[in-house]
């Protein structure tokens, strides 16, 4: 039965020649399924979903440029302006390099745990 749920596109194979089926919703005498109010509500919901999708794109892809139709809107980057302070001194830079090195090592070990089927590679010739 799991095969039926995993692949609903497969045709149904019957061994009983007297078995038949009827589509209740697509027959000629089927009543109209949706009222005018339901249709309007559906249109409103689809409009809201399109708006939510647009806002989700903003969060999923912050690297994309912002498009604005307002000619008076402007922005300023406080981190790359000429008068901005340097935000990493030598000690912080060394600490950052150490953290990135440890993160790379942790990523390597995480790969071992996430993919145990990969072969172990040894660099020791003995």
Protein backbone atom coordinates (compact mmCIF):
# COMPACT_ATOMS: atom_id res chain seq x y z
CA UNK A 1 0.00 0.00 0.00
CA UNK A 2 2.93 2.35 0.53
CA UNK A 3 3.67 2.08 -3.19
CA UNK A 4 0.24 3.59 -3.95
CA UNK A 5 0.95 6.60 -1.75
CA UNK A 6 4.52 7.11 -2.91
CA UNK A 7 3.66 6.91 -6.61
CA UNK A 8 0.07 8.06 -7.23
CA UNK A 9 0.90 8.71 -10.90
CA UNK A 10 1.16 4.98 -11.63
CA UNK A 11 -1.91 3.45 -13.28
CA UNK A 12 -4.15 1.18 -11.24
CA UNK A 13 -3.89 -2.50 -12.23
CA UNK A 14 -7.06 -4.55 -11.74
CA UNK A 15 -7.57 -8.27 -12.01
CA UNK A 16 -11.40 -8.07 -11.73
CA UNK A 17 -12.96 -7.30 -15.15
CA UNK A 18 -16.23 -6.11 -13.57
CA UNK A 19 -14.59 -3.40 -11.46
CA UNK A 20 -15.24 0.19 -12.54
CA UNK A 21 -14.86 3.69 -11.16
CA UNK A 22 -16.58 7.03 -11.49
CA UNK A 23 -15.26 10.54 -10.87
CA UNK A 24 -17.83 12.12 -8.56
CA UNK A 25 -16.52 15.67 -8.98
CA UNK A 26 -16.17 15.82 -12.78
CA UNK A 27 -19.53 14.32 -13.80
CA UNK A 28 -22.02 16.46 -15.78
CA UNK A 29 -24.61 16.55 -13.00
CA UNK A 30 -22.14 17.63 -10.30
CA UNK A 31 -23.24 20.80 -8.47
CA UNK A 32 -21.06 23.91 -8.58
CA UNK A 33 -18.45 23.45 -5.89
CA UNK A 34 -17.59 27.08 -5.14
CA UNK A 35 -19.83 30.04 -4.32
CA UNK A 36 -19.08 33.67 -5.21
CA UNK A 37 -18.00 34.43 -1.64
CA UNK A 38 -15.66 31.44 -1.69
CA UNK A 39 -14.24 32.56 -5.00
CA UNK A 40 -13.56 36.06 -3.69
CA UNK A 41 -11.99 34.64 -0.53
CA UNK A 42 -9.79 32.38 -2.64
CA UNK A 43 -8.64 35.37 -4.70
CA UNK A 44 -7.81 37.33 -1.51
CA UNK A 45 -5.89 34.39 -0.07
CA UNK A 46 -3.88 33.92 -3.27
CA UNK A 47 -3.05 37.64 -3.29
CA UNK A 48 -1.82 37.44 0.32
CA UNK A 49 0.21 34.33 -0.48
CA UNK A 50 1.90 36.13 -3.38
CA UNK A 51 2.77 39.01 -1.04
CA UNK A 52 4.14 36.60 1.58
CA UNK A 53 6.23 34.90 -1.09
CA UNK A 54 7.66 38.28 -2.08
CA UNK A 55 8.65 39.04 1.53
CA UNK A 56 10.08 35.55 1.98
CA UNK A 57 12.33 36.21 -1.03
CA UNK A 58 13.67 39.30 0.75
CA UNK A 59 14.76 37.16 3.69
CA UNK A 60 16.02 34.22 1.65
CA UNK A 61 18.13 36.37 -0.70
CA UNK A 62 19.38 39.47 1.14
CA UNK A 63 22.17 39.87 -1.42
CA UNK A 64 19.73 40.95 -4.13
CA UNK A 65 19.48 44.69 -4.72
CA UNK A 66 16.56 46.61 -3.25
CA UNK A 67 14.15 47.98 -5.84
CA UNK A 68 12.34 51.15 -4.88
CA UNK A 69 9.93 53.35 -6.81
CA UNK A 70 10.31 56.27 -4.36
CA UNK A 71 12.77 58.81 -5.74
CA UNK A 72 13.36 60.38 -2.30
CA UNK A 73 14.45 57.16 -0.55
CA UNK A 74 18.14 56.76 0.22
CA UNK A 75 20.44 54.69 2.40
CA UNK A 76 23.88 54.80 3.96
CA UNK A 77 26.31 52.03 4.74
CA UNK A 78 27.78 52.79 8.16
CA UNK A 79 30.37 50.02 7.95
CA UNK A 80 32.20 50.94 4.75
CA UNK A 81 32.11 54.75 4.96
CA UNK A 82 35.43 56.59 4.99
CA UNK A 83 35.05 57.83 8.56
CA UNK A 84 34.25 54.36 9.93
CA UNK A 85 36.52 53.01 12.67
CA UNK A 86 38.60 49.94 12.03
CA UNK A 87 36.70 47.21 13.76
CA UNK A 88 39.46 44.55 14.02
CA UNK A 89 42.79 45.17 15.71
CA UNK A 90 45.73 42.74 15.47
CA UNK A 91 44.67 40.69 18.49
CA UNK A 92 41.09 40.38 17.29
CA UNK A 93 42.34 39.46 13.82
CA UNK A 94 44.43 36.59 15.24
CA UNK A 95 41.47 35.44 17.33
CA UNK A 96 39.25 35.53 14.24
CA UNK A 97 41.76 33.44 12.27
CA UNK A 98 41.91 30.91 15.12
CA UNK A 99 38.12 30.68 15.27
CA UNK A 100 37.87 30.16 11.50
CA UNK A 101 40.53 27.46 11.65
CA UNK A 102 38.65 25.65 14.42
CA UNK A 103 35.39 26.00 12.48
CA UNK A 104 37.01 24.39 9.44
CA UNK A 105 38.21 21.51 11.62
CA UNK A 106 34.73 21.10 13.14
CA UNK A 107 33.21 21.07 9.65
CA UNK A 108 35.63 18.31 8.67
CA UNK A 109 34.62 16.19 11.68
CA UNK A 110 30.93 16.93 11.12
CA UNK A 111 31.33 15.55 7.59
CA UNK A 112 32.65 12.31 9.09
CA UNK A 113 29.54 11.96 11.24
CA UNK A 114 27.04 13.03 8.57
CA UNK A 115 28.48 10.72 5.91
CA UNK A 116 29.70 7.53 7.61
CA UNK A 117 29.62 5.68 4.29
CA UNK A 118 32.65 7.61 2.99
CA UNK A 119 35.97 5.82 3.00
CA UNK A 120 38.59 6.72 5.61
CA UNK A 121 41.72 8.22 4.02
CA UNK A 122 44.99 7.84 5.91
CA UNK A 123 48.15 9.80 5.23
CA UNK A 124 50.38 7.56 7.38
CA UNK A 125 52.41 5.25 5.07
CA UNK A 126 53.18 2.66 7.76
